[in-house]
Protein backbone atom coordinates (compact mmCIF):
# COMPACT_ATOMS: atom_id res chain seq x y z
CA MET A 1 -29.11 -30.28 18.14
CA ARG A 2 -31.43 -29.88 15.09
CA GLY A 3 -30.58 -31.85 11.90
CA ILE A 4 -28.65 -30.30 9.21
CA SER A 5 -30.62 -28.52 6.46
CA ARG A 6 -29.01 -28.39 3.11
CA ARG A 7 -31.25 -25.52 1.88
CA GLN A 8 -29.65 -22.19 2.04
CA PRO A 9 -31.30 -19.08 3.39
CA LYS A 10 -33.38 -17.07 0.87
CA GLY A 11 -31.34 -13.82 1.55
CA LEU A 12 -28.28 -15.64 0.20
CA TYR A 13 -29.58 -15.41 -3.26
CA LEU A 14 -30.40 -11.81 -3.09
CA LEU A 15 -26.90 -11.15 -2.00
CA PHE A 16 -25.56 -13.62 -4.63
CA PHE A 17 -27.03 -11.34 -7.31
CA THR A 18 -26.24 -8.09 -5.67
CA GLU A 19 -22.48 -8.95 -5.35
CA LEU A 20 -22.62 -10.59 -8.88
CA TRP A 21 -23.49 -7.19 -10.63
CA GLU A 22 -21.15 -5.22 -8.42
CA ARG A 23 -18.15 -7.60 -9.34
CA PHE A 24 -19.20 -7.31 -12.97
CA GLY A 25 -18.60 -3.47 -12.81
CA PHE A 26 -15.44 -3.99 -10.77
CA TYR A 27 -13.86 -6.67 -12.88
CA MET A 28 -14.64 -4.56 -15.86
CA VAL A 29 -12.32 -1.98 -14.53
CA GLN A 30 -9.93 -4.54 -13.28
CA THR A 31 -9.62 -5.96 -16.83
CA ILE A 32 -8.77 -2.87 -18.61
CA LEU A 33 -7.09 -0.68 -15.93
CA VAL A 34 -3.52 -1.96 -16.24
CA LEU A 35 -3.76 -1.96 -20.19
CA TYR A 36 -5.38 1.43 -19.99
CA LEU A 37 -2.31 2.86 -17.99
CA SER A 38 0.18 1.04 -20.15
CA LYS A 39 -1.26 1.74 -23.56
CA GLY A 40 -3.73 4.39 -23.26
CA LEU A 41 -1.68 6.77 -20.95
CA SER A 42 1.65 5.35 -22.03
CA TYR A 43 2.91 4.60 -18.37
CA SER A 44 5.98 2.38 -18.07
CA ASP A 45 5.69 -0.97 -16.60
CA SER A 46 7.05 0.08 -13.08
CA SER A 47 4.72 3.17 -12.95
CA THR A 48 1.80 1.16 -13.97
CA TYR A 49 2.50 -1.40 -11.25
CA LEU A 50 3.00 1.22 -8.60
CA LEU A 51 -0.07 3.22 -9.41
CA TYR A 52 -2.27 -0.09 -9.65
CA GLY A 53 -0.79 -1.30 -6.37
CA ALA A 54 -1.43 2.02 -4.58
CA PHE A 55 -5.03 2.20 -5.96
CA SER A 56 -5.76 -1.47 -5.02
CA SER A 57 -4.20 -0.89 -1.54
CA MET A 58 -6.44 2.03 -0.79
CA LEU A 59 -9.35 -0.06 -2.13
CA TYR A 60 -8.96 -2.78 0.47
CA LEU A 61 -7.97 -0.23 3.33
CA THR A 62 -11.28 1.59 3.42
CA PRO A 63 -13.44 -1.43 4.25
CA VAL A 64 -12.20 -1.63 7.91
CA ILE A 65 -13.53 1.92 8.35
CA GLY A 66 -16.67 1.25 6.32
CA GLY A 67 -17.36 -2.01 8.31
CA TYR A 68 -16.85 0.01 11.64
CA ILE A 69 -19.33 2.59 10.63
CA ALA A 70 -21.95 -0.03 9.65
CA ASP A 71 -21.27 -1.90 13.01
CA ARG A 72 -21.83 1.19 15.11
CA PHE A 73 -23.87 3.68 13.25
CA ILE A 74 -25.79 3.05 10.09
CA GLY A 75 -26.02 -0.81 9.66
CA PHE A 76 -25.08 -2.89 6.81
CA ARG A 77 -28.06 -2.31 4.48
CA GLN A 78 -27.53 1.56 4.43
CA SER A 79 -23.65 0.98 3.93
CA ILE A 80 -24.29 -1.14 0.97
CA ILE A 81 -26.70 1.41 -0.70
CA LEU A 82 -24.25 4.34 0.02
CA GLY A 83 -21.31 2.28 -1.50
CA ALA A 84 -23.35 1.35 -4.52
CA ILE A 85 -24.10 5.06 -5.32
CA LEU A 86 -20.40 6.04 -4.91
CA PHE A 87 -19.34 3.12 -7.13
CA THR A 88 -21.58 4.30 -9.98
CA ILE A 89 -20.59 7.90 -9.69
CA GLY A 90 -16.72 6.85 -9.72
CA TYR A 91 -17.01 4.67 -12.72
CA ALA A 92 -18.87 7.34 -14.63
CA VAL A 93 -16.21 9.92 -13.76
CA MET A 94 -13.40 7.57 -14.95
CA ALA A 95 -15.07 7.34 -18.48
CA ILE A 96 -13.87 11.05 -18.94
CA PRO A 97 -10.84 10.95 -21.08
CA ASN A 98 -8.57 12.76 -18.78
CA GLU A 99 -5.82 11.61 -16.39
CA HIS A 100 -7.05 13.64 -13.42
CA ALA A 101 -10.67 12.44 -14.01
CA LEU A 102 -9.37 8.77 -13.85
CA PHE A 103 -7.71 9.57 -10.54
CA LEU A 104 -10.80 11.30 -9.14
CA GLY A 105 -12.95 8.40 -10.28
CA LEU A 106 -10.49 5.82 -8.76
CA SER A 107 -10.77 7.75 -5.38
CA ILE A 108 -14.51 7.71 -5.31
CA VAL A 109 -14.31 4.03 -6.07
CA VAL A 110 -12.11 3.44 -3.20
CA ILE A 111 -14.52 5.15 -0.70
CA GLY A 112 -17.56 3.20 -2.35
CA ASN A 113 -15.80 -0.08 -1.82
CA GLY A 114 -15.28 0.75 1.90
CA PHE A 115 -19.00 0.98 2.47
CA PHE A 116 -20.02 -1.85 0.04
CA LYS A 117 -17.57 -4.68 0.21
CA PRO A 118 -17.34 -5.78 3.79
CA ASN A 119 -21.06 -5.38 4.56
CA VAL A 120 -22.39 -7.63 1.84
CA SER A 121 -20.19 -10.36 3.28
CA SER A 122 -21.19 -9.55 6.83
CA ILE A 123 -24.95 -9.83 5.98
CA VAL A 124 -24.37 -13.21 4.49
CA GLY A 125 -22.65 -14.31 7.87
CA ASP A 126 -25.74 -13.01 9.73
CA LEU A 127 -27.98 -15.44 7.85
CA TYR A 128 -26.60 -18.41 9.79
CA GLU A 129 -26.40 -19.31 13.39
CA ALA A 130 -22.92 -19.88 14.99
CA ASN A 131 -22.98 -23.61 14.61
CA ASP A 132 -24.60 -23.88 11.23
CA ALA A 133 -22.81 -26.27 8.94
CA ARG A 134 -24.17 -24.52 5.88
CA ARG A 135 -22.08 -21.53 6.50
CA ASP A 136 -18.81 -22.65 4.41
CA GLY A 137 -21.05 -23.92 1.72
CA GLY A 138 -23.16 -20.77 1.65
CA PHE A 139 -20.03 -18.57 1.35
CA THR A 140 -18.63 -20.87 -1.38
CA LEU A 141 -21.94 -20.38 -3.31
CA PHE A 142 -21.73 -16.52 -2.65
CA TYR A 143 -18.14 -16.71 -3.95
CA MET A 144 -19.41 -18.23 -7.20
CA GLY A 145 -21.76 -15.25 -7.66
CA ILE A 146 -18.70 -12.96 -7.25
CA ASN A 147 -17.11 -14.90 -10.09
CA ILE A 148 -19.95 -15.01 -12.44
CA GLY A 149 -19.75 -11.23 -12.39
CA ALA A 150 -16.02 -11.54 -12.89
CA LEU A 151 -16.36 -13.99 -15.73
CA LEU A 152 -18.22 -11.81 -18.08
CA PRO A 153 -15.94 -8.70 -18.64
CA PRO A 154 -12.88 -10.68 -20.00
CA LEU A 155 -15.19 -12.02 -22.73
CA PHE A 156 -15.92 -8.68 -24.45
CA ALA A 157 -13.77 -5.94 -22.65
CA GLY A 158 -10.92 -6.04 -25.08
CA ALA A 159 -13.19 -5.94 -28.16
CA LEU A 160 -15.39 -3.08 -26.58
CA VAL A 161 -12.53 -0.59 -25.90
CA ALA A 162 -10.80 -1.58 -29.25
CA ALA A 163 -14.19 -0.67 -31.26
CA TYR A 164 -15.06 2.34 -29.12
CA THR A 165 -12.83 4.02 -26.39
CA TRP A 166 -11.43 3.06 -23.05
CA GLY A 167 -14.11 5.14 -21.55
CA SER A 168 -16.82 2.82 -22.95
CA GLY A 169 -15.53 0.09 -20.50
CA PHE A 170 -15.86 2.33 -17.51
CA LEU A 171 -19.40 3.21 -18.53
CA VAL A 172 -20.33 -0.47 -18.81
CA ALA A 173 -18.94 -0.90 -15.28
CA ALA A 174 -21.33 1.97 -14.21
CA VAL A 175 -24.26 0.21 -15.64
CA GLY A 176 -23.38 -2.98 -13.83
CA MET A 177 -23.29 -1.16 -10.50
CA VAL A 178 -26.77 0.31 -11.28
CA ILE A 179 -28.12 -3.14 -11.79
CA SER A 180 -26.48 -4.16 -8.50
CA LEU A 181 -28.26 -1.33 -6.53
CA ILE A 182 -31.56 -1.90 -8.13
CA THR A 183 -31.45 -5.54 -7.43
CA PHE A 184 -30.64 -4.90 -3.56
CA LEU A 185 -33.29 -2.36 -3.22
CA LEU A 186 -36.01 -4.56 -4.77
CA GLY A 187 -34.99 -7.65 -2.87
CA LYS A 188 -34.03 -6.23 0.62
CA SER A 189 -37.21 -7.52 2.18
CA ARG A 190 -36.01 -11.11 1.90
CA LEU A 191 -33.47 -10.29 4.52
CA GLY A 192 -36.00 -9.87 7.37
CA ASP A 193 -34.25 -8.02 10.31
CA VAL A 194 -30.82 -8.67 9.21
CA GLY A 195 -28.51 -5.75 8.51
CA LEU A 196 -30.67 -2.95 9.94
CA VAL A 197 -29.27 0.09 11.72
CA PRO A 198 -27.97 -1.44 15.00
CA SER A 199 -29.76 -0.93 18.31
CA ILE A 200 -26.64 0.74 19.87
CA SER A 201 -26.39 3.28 17.23
CA PRO A 202 -26.74 6.89 18.26
CA VAL A 203 -28.57 7.57 15.05
CA HIS A 204 -31.65 6.32 16.89
CA LYS A 205 -31.46 9.58 18.94
CA SER A 206 -33.22 12.90 18.22
CA GLY A 207 -33.75 14.08 14.65
CA SER A 208 -31.30 16.94 14.99
CA PHE A 209 -28.60 14.52 16.00
CA LYS A 210 -29.38 12.14 13.06
CA GLY A 211 -29.12 15.09 10.57
CA MET A 212 -25.92 16.35 11.99
CA PHE A 213 -24.36 12.80 11.80
CA TYR A 214 -25.29 12.35 8.19
CA VAL A 215 -23.86 15.80 7.33
CA LEU A 216 -20.60 14.93 9.04
CA LEU A 217 -20.65 11.44 7.19
CA PHE A 218 -21.09 13.38 3.78
CA VAL A 219 -18.27 15.95 4.66
CA GLY A 220 -16.01 12.98 5.64
CA ILE A 221 -16.54 11.20 2.39
CA LEU A 222 -15.71 14.41 0.33
CA VAL A 223 -12.49 15.09 2.39
CA SER A 224 -11.44 11.50 2.09
CA ILE A 225 -11.92 11.53 -1.71
CA GLY A 226 -9.79 14.76 -1.98
CA VAL A 227 -7.03 13.05 0.13
CA LEU A 228 -7.03 9.80 -1.90
CA HIS A 229 -6.93 11.88 -5.18
CA ILE A 230 -3.74 13.57 -4.01
CA LEU A 231 -2.16 10.24 -2.81
CA LEU A 232 -2.86 8.67 -6.27
CA LEU A 233 -0.69 11.42 -7.94
CA HIS A 234 2.16 10.12 -5.66
CA PRO A 235 1.81 6.25 -5.61
CA ARG A 236 5.29 5.59 -4.15
CA GLU A 237 4.73 7.89 -1.15
CA ALA A 238 1.05 6.76 -1.06
CA ASN A 239 2.18 3.10 -0.38
CA LEU A 240 4.35 4.14 2.53
CA ILE A 241 1.35 6.23 4.05
CA LEU A 242 -1.00 3.20 3.51
CA VAL A 243 1.40 0.99 5.31
CA LEU A 244 1.34 3.34 8.34
CA ALA A 245 -2.47 3.61 8.17
CA SER A 246 -2.74 -0.20 8.31
CA LEU A 247 -0.50 -0.31 11.25
CA GLY A 248 -2.86 2.19 12.88
CA ILE A 249 -5.90 0.15 12.00
CA ILE A 250 -4.28 -3.08 13.26
CA ALA A 251 -3.53 -1.26 16.56
CA ALA A 252 -7.21 -0.25 17.01
CA VAL A 253 -8.37 -3.95 16.25
CA LEU A 254 -5.90 -5.12 18.94
CA PHE A 255 -7.45 -2.56 21.34
CA PHE A 256 -10.99 -4.13 20.69
CA LEU A 257 -9.56 -7.59 20.92
CA PHE A 258 -8.19 -7.20 24.43
CA LYS A 259 -11.61 -6.10 25.63
CA GLU A 260 -12.98 -9.49 24.74
CA LEU A 261 -13.28 -12.49 27.12
CA PRO A 262 -10.25 -14.88 27.03
CA GLU A 263 -12.00 -17.73 24.95
CA GLN A 264 -13.27 -15.04 22.34
CA ARG A 265 -9.83 -13.36 22.39
CA ARG A 266 -8.05 -16.73 21.51
CA LYS A 267 -10.46 -17.24 18.52
CA MET A 268 -9.85 -13.70 17.25
CA ILE A 269 -6.04 -14.16 17.53
CA ALA A 270 -6.27 -17.34 15.47
CA CYS A 271 -8.40 -15.45 12.96
CA LEU A 272 -5.82 -12.59 12.65
CA ILE A 273 -3.01 -15.18 12.23
CA LEU A 274 -4.89 -16.76 9.35
CA ILE A 275 -5.72 -13.43 7.88
CA LEU A 276 -1.80 -12.57 7.90
CA ILE A 277 -1.23 -15.89 6.10
CA SER A 278 -3.67 -14.70 3.55
CA VAL A 279 -1.62 -11.61 2.82
CA GLY A 280 1.09 -13.80 1.22
CA PHE A 281 -1.49 -15.67 -0.92
CA TRP A 282 -3.14 -12.59 -2.27
CA ALA A 283 0.07 -10.81 -2.93
CA ILE A 284 1.03 -13.59 -5.37
CA TYR A 285 -2.51 -14.09 -6.52
CA ASN A 286 -2.63 -10.43 -7.54
CA GLN A 287 -0.04 -11.09 -10.33
CA THR A 288 -3.16 -12.02 -12.23
CA PHE A 289 -3.88 -8.32 -12.99
CA THR A 290 -0.25 -7.13 -13.39
CA SER A 291 2.68 -9.49 -14.57
CA MET A 292 0.52 -12.27 -15.79
CA MET A 293 -1.71 -9.86 -17.81
CA LEU A 294 1.29 -8.26 -19.47
CA PHE A 295 2.82 -11.68 -20.12
CA ALA A 296 -0.29 -12.80 -21.88
CA ASP A 297 -0.24 -9.55 -23.99
CA ARG A 298 3.39 -9.94 -24.94
CA ASN A 299 4.56 -13.60 -24.95
CA MET A 300 1.53 -15.86 -25.08
CA SER A 301 0.20 -17.07 -28.26
CA LYS A 302 -3.23 -15.84 -29.14
CA GLU A 303 -4.54 -18.97 -30.70
CA PHE A 304 -6.66 -21.07 -28.39
CA LEU A 305 -9.08 -23.85 -29.42
CA GLY A 306 -9.41 -22.48 -32.95
CA PHE A 307 -10.24 -18.93 -31.53
CA THR A 308 -8.03 -15.66 -31.42
CA ILE A 309 -8.11 -14.38 -27.89
CA ASP A 310 -6.53 -11.34 -26.26
CA ALA A 311 -4.79 -10.78 -22.99
CA GLU A 312 -7.97 -9.44 -21.39
CA PHE A 313 -9.58 -12.78 -22.16
CA THR A 314 -7.31 -14.64 -20.00
CA LEU A 315 -9.04 -13.39 -16.77
CA PHE A 316 -12.02 -15.53 -17.90
CA PHE A 317 -10.30 -18.76 -16.91
CA ASN A 318 -9.98 -18.00 -13.20
CA SER A 319 -13.73 -17.09 -12.97
CA PHE A 320 -14.84 -20.08 -15.18
CA PHE A 321 -13.01 -22.63 -12.83
CA ILE A 322 -14.53 -20.95 -9.83
CA ILE A 323 -18.00 -21.25 -11.16
CA VAL A 324 -17.42 -24.90 -12.19
CA LEU A 325 -15.93 -25.97 -8.88
CA SER A 326 -17.96 -23.91 -6.34
CA PRO A 327 -21.18 -25.99 -6.27
CA PHE A 328 -19.17 -29.23 -5.95
CA LEU A 329 -17.09 -27.79 -2.95
CA SER A 330 -20.30 -26.17 -1.31
CA TRP A 331 -21.86 -29.69 -1.41
CA LEU A 332 -18.56 -31.38 -0.40
CA TRP A 333 -18.24 -29.42 2.78
CA ILE A 334 -21.63 -30.05 4.02
CA ARG A 335 -21.18 -33.87 3.24
CA LEU A 336 -17.77 -33.99 5.02
CA ASP A 337 -19.30 -32.25 7.93
CA GLU A 338 -22.06 -34.79 8.42
CA LYS A 339 -19.42 -37.47 8.38
CA LYS A 340 -17.30 -35.47 10.91
CA LYS A 341 -14.42 -35.23 8.30
CA ASN A 342 -14.59 -31.63 7.20
CA PRO A 343 -10.92 -30.29 7.07
CA SER A 344 -10.38 -27.50 9.65
CA THR A 345 -9.99 -24.00 8.54
CA PRO A 346 -6.27 -23.86 9.01
CA LEU A 347 -5.76 -27.06 6.83
CA LYS A 348 -7.81 -25.64 3.95
CA PHE A 349 -5.84 -22.33 4.19
CA SER A 350 -2.42 -24.26 4.01
CA LEU A 351 -3.69 -26.41 1.09
CA GLY A 352 -4.72 -23.22 -0.70
CA VAL A 353 -1.38 -21.64 -0.43
CA LEU A 354 0.39 -24.80 -1.48
CA CYS A 355 -1.81 -24.77 -4.71
CA MET A 356 -0.80 -21.21 -5.31
CA ALA A 357 2.92 -22.38 -5.24
CA ILE A 358 2.30 -25.33 -7.49
CA GLY A 359 0.43 -23.15 -9.94
CA PHE A 360 3.32 -20.70 -10.56
CA LEU A 361 5.97 -23.32 -10.45
CA VAL A 362 4.22 -25.14 -13.21
CA LEU A 363 3.74 -21.99 -15.19
CA SER A 364 7.50 -21.10 -14.82
CA ALA A 365 8.73 -24.55 -15.99
CA GLY A 366 6.19 -24.70 -18.78
CA ILE A 367 6.82 -21.49 -20.44
CA SER A 368 10.69 -21.69 -20.21
CA ILE A 369 10.90 -25.11 -21.60
CA PHE A 370 8.00 -25.15 -24.24
CA ASN A 371 8.22 -22.05 -26.29
CA THR A 372 8.86 -21.03 -29.87
CA ASN A 373 10.78 -17.78 -30.43
CA GLY A 374 9.63 -16.43 -27.10
CA GLU A 375 5.91 -17.20 -27.63
CA THR A 376 4.19 -20.07 -25.47
CA SER A 377 1.03 -21.73 -25.65
CA PRO A 378 -1.96 -20.27 -23.45
CA TRP A 379 -2.56 -23.88 -22.11
CA TRP A 380 0.19 -23.31 -19.57
CA LEU A 381 -1.65 -20.19 -18.35
CA VAL A 382 -4.78 -22.19 -18.20
CA LEU A 383 -3.23 -24.96 -16.24
CA SER A 384 -1.79 -22.53 -13.82
CA TYR A 385 -5.08 -20.64 -13.48
CA PHE A 386 -6.79 -24.04 -12.70
CA ILE A 387 -4.49 -24.99 -9.94
CA GLN A 388 -4.42 -21.45 -8.37
CA THR A 389 -8.34 -21.36 -8.45
CA VAL A 390 -8.43 -24.56 -6.36
CA GLY A 391 -6.25 -22.80 -3.93
CA GLU A 392 -8.46 -19.78 -4.00
CA LEU A 393 -11.46 -21.80 -3.18
CA LEU A 394 -9.78 -23.32 -0.30
CA LEU A 395 -8.90 -19.99 1.23
CA SER A 396 -11.05 -17.10 0.08
CA PRO A 397 -14.68 -18.20 0.76
CA ILE A 398 -13.51 -20.24 3.60
CA GLY A 399 -11.76 -17.05 5.09
CA LEU A 400 -14.94 -15.18 4.73
CA ALA A 401 -16.94 -17.77 6.64
CA MET A 402 -14.16 -17.96 9.21
CA VAL A 403 -14.35 -14.15 10.03
CA THR A 404 -18.14 -14.31 10.63
CA ARG A 405 -17.82 -17.43 12.70
CA LEU A 406 -14.86 -16.55 14.97
CA SER A 407 -15.55 -12.78 15.45
CA PRO A 408 -18.09 -11.47 18.04
CA ARG A 409 -21.26 -10.27 16.56
CA HIS A 410 -20.65 -6.53 17.39
CA LEU A 411 -17.32 -6.68 15.59
CA ILE A 412 -18.17 -8.63 12.40
CA GLY A 413 -18.26 -5.77 10.19
CA MET A 414 -14.91 -4.32 11.36
CA MET A 415 -13.25 -7.71 11.27
CA MET A 416 -14.58 -8.25 7.67
CA GLY A 417 -12.83 -4.96 6.88
CA VAL A 418 -9.57 -6.42 8.47
CA TRP A 419 -9.89 -9.40 6.09
CA PHE A 420 -10.13 -6.99 3.25
CA LEU A 421 -7.29 -4.97 4.73
CA THR A 422 -5.03 -7.93 4.21
CA GLN A 423 -5.76 -7.54 0.49
CA SER A 424 -4.71 -3.79 0.77
CA ALA A 425 -1.32 -4.95 2.01
CA ALA A 426 -1.19 -7.87 -0.54
CA PHE A 427 -1.82 -5.46 -3.45
CA ALA A 428 0.84 -3.15 -2.14
CA ILE A 429 3.24 -6.06 -1.82
CA GLY A 430 2.05 -7.64 -4.95
CA GLY A 431 2.80 -4.25 -6.93
CA GLY A 432 6.43 -4.56 -5.55
CA LEU A 433 6.71 -8.24 -6.45
CA ALA A 434 5.31 -7.53 -10.02
CA THR A 435 8.48 -5.37 -10.55
CA PHE A 436 10.52 -8.76 -10.79
CA SER A 437 8.85 -8.95 -14.19
CA ASP A 438 9.58 -5.38 -15.30
CA VAL A 439 10.35 -5.64 -18.95
CA PRO A 440 12.16 -2.58 -20.49
CA LYS A 441 10.17 -1.19 -23.64
CA GLU A 442 12.80 -2.37 -26.04
CA VAL A 443 13.13 -6.07 -24.83
CA THR A 444 10.88 -8.62 -26.63
CA GLY A 445 10.58 -12.19 -27.56
CA PRO A 446 12.89 -14.84 -25.91
CA ALA A 447 14.44 -12.12 -23.60
CA SER A 448 10.97 -10.94 -22.30
CA LEU A 449 9.85 -14.50 -21.84
CA ALA A 450 12.93 -15.25 -19.65
CA ILE A 451 12.10 -12.30 -17.43
CA TYR A 452 8.59 -13.67 -16.89
CA SER A 453 9.76 -17.21 -16.38
CA HIS A 454 12.24 -16.08 -13.63
CA ALA A 455 9.69 -13.94 -11.95
CA PHE A 456 6.91 -16.66 -11.80
CA LEU A 457 9.63 -18.99 -10.31
CA ILE A 458 10.24 -16.39 -7.70
CA TYR A 459 6.44 -16.08 -6.88
CA GLY A 460 6.19 -20.04 -6.74
CA LEU A 461 8.96 -20.44 -4.24
CA ILE A 462 7.74 -17.58 -1.97
CA SER A 463 4.32 -19.45 -1.84
CA LEU A 464 6.00 -22.68 -1.19
CA ALA A 465 7.79 -21.13 1.85
CA LEU A 466 4.54 -19.66 3.09
CA ALA A 467 2.77 -22.91 2.76
CA ILE A 468 5.34 -24.70 4.78
CA VAL A 469 4.92 -22.10 7.82
CA SER A 470 1.13 -22.43 7.43
CA PHE A 471 1.25 -26.18 7.69
CA ALA A 472 3.48 -25.91 10.74
CA LEU A 473 0.88 -23.70 12.45
CA ILE A 474 -2.04 -26.00 12.10
CA PRO A 475 -1.96 -27.78 15.53
CA TYR A 476 -1.61 -24.40 17.39
CA LEU A 477 -4.29 -22.77 15.39
CA ARG A 478 -6.79 -25.66 15.86
CA LYS A 479 -6.23 -25.55 19.65
CA MET A 480 -6.90 -21.81 19.63
CA ILE A 481 -10.14 -21.93 17.67
CA GLY A 482 -11.44 -24.97 19.56
CA THR A 483 -15.10 -25.67 19.18
CA THR A 484 -17.24 -22.87 17.43
CA ASN A 485 -20.51 -24.44 18.38
CA GLY A 486 -23.03 -22.16 20.43
CA PRO A 487 -23.25 -18.52 20.64
CA VAL A 488 -20.32 -16.36 20.09
CA LEU A 489 -19.02 -14.89 23.45
CA THR A 490 -19.20 -11.16 24.21
CA PRO A 491 -17.65 -9.37 27.31
CA LYS A 492 -19.90 -7.96 30.01
CA ARG A 493 -20.16 -4.14 29.48
């Protein structure tokens, strides 16, 4: 076996910056969306949570379909370009000061995310051989790029929309997406043959078939945008439909799974179990954009290190800690692998969920004990974010690497979509969990703080229960995964 090279592939850095700018635009929207619904459109807390949950569920449902289309038809590169164009259009439409324009823009963004999100990560996985020890480290660095993009919007989003309009935030998101697209187009030669139209694609047939395929794809996109627009107008019903759609997609995945050889099938089942565990993690994590955001707006002191901060700024802490910790963990996984002491993926997952539990239990205890007239120090939120971020880095980039390592090559895009599908379920569940922190309009001060403290305690206990289950499954999952050295097996056709 060749010695381990610590230098990452050149293509990783292109994808690093492509994802960085896409995430800049995405998190610009994430930073202001809940506050726009609550303040700009005067939605109640429960209506805000339901709509945000429905939108976010849709956002992570479409990558399964987008990943499958890339796997079988247009390849990862064309999918990324198409997704970037749709993202840009969607953000621009959302800038129009109209409720229906917002819903239309959100619908376009959902489709754009389906084509973009799974396929950037899939190309990252294709840069490595099956037994390449750099994979976890590479995905950790890639994850750092995501969070550099996420770091910037909270620094100025609040001041921007206060000085101008809510629409200015969405226009800035569109600019970020344009930069992402240009970055990818100018640097795609660094990828070599990775991400091209697959050899099995019928697009390689006659020109007339190729033209017809792209016409059907375009029509399918337009119809899907219309359907999603209608669903967003009825978020409660949309969540039920999305659950049913998710079950249908999972059934399709199981169909493909049982066509694989037994060894590969076991790895994919282990992969699906770990993905299922991540649902609980992300459902709690997504309180960052809902209950924790409104808590910061209503019950957190705005004085921090001599500066005045707003609720939007609190999203800075998660991304900041990811950027600080990612290079260290990327180096650590390679070093531990050299010493044959690298923790297994199931163990990393379990530790990640445990960190999420500790983060919320600390936050609940801190704000309930140390507060003045219903207002608490931002340091408790900072501490909680730090612990949660450690958990996120033990689960999220490792999960991305796991999907590309345990899935057969011809299903990587689809399985990456399944990974993001779990976040669809998590956002829907997270929107429901956020209602534990539903604060009536007339409730303020200590009474409001008590509601948030109780909700954060519930989130911590749910995470703790999930961590116990995850630790108990480690021996079984390690046996199912076995060795991942050598090529990924594919069935005889």
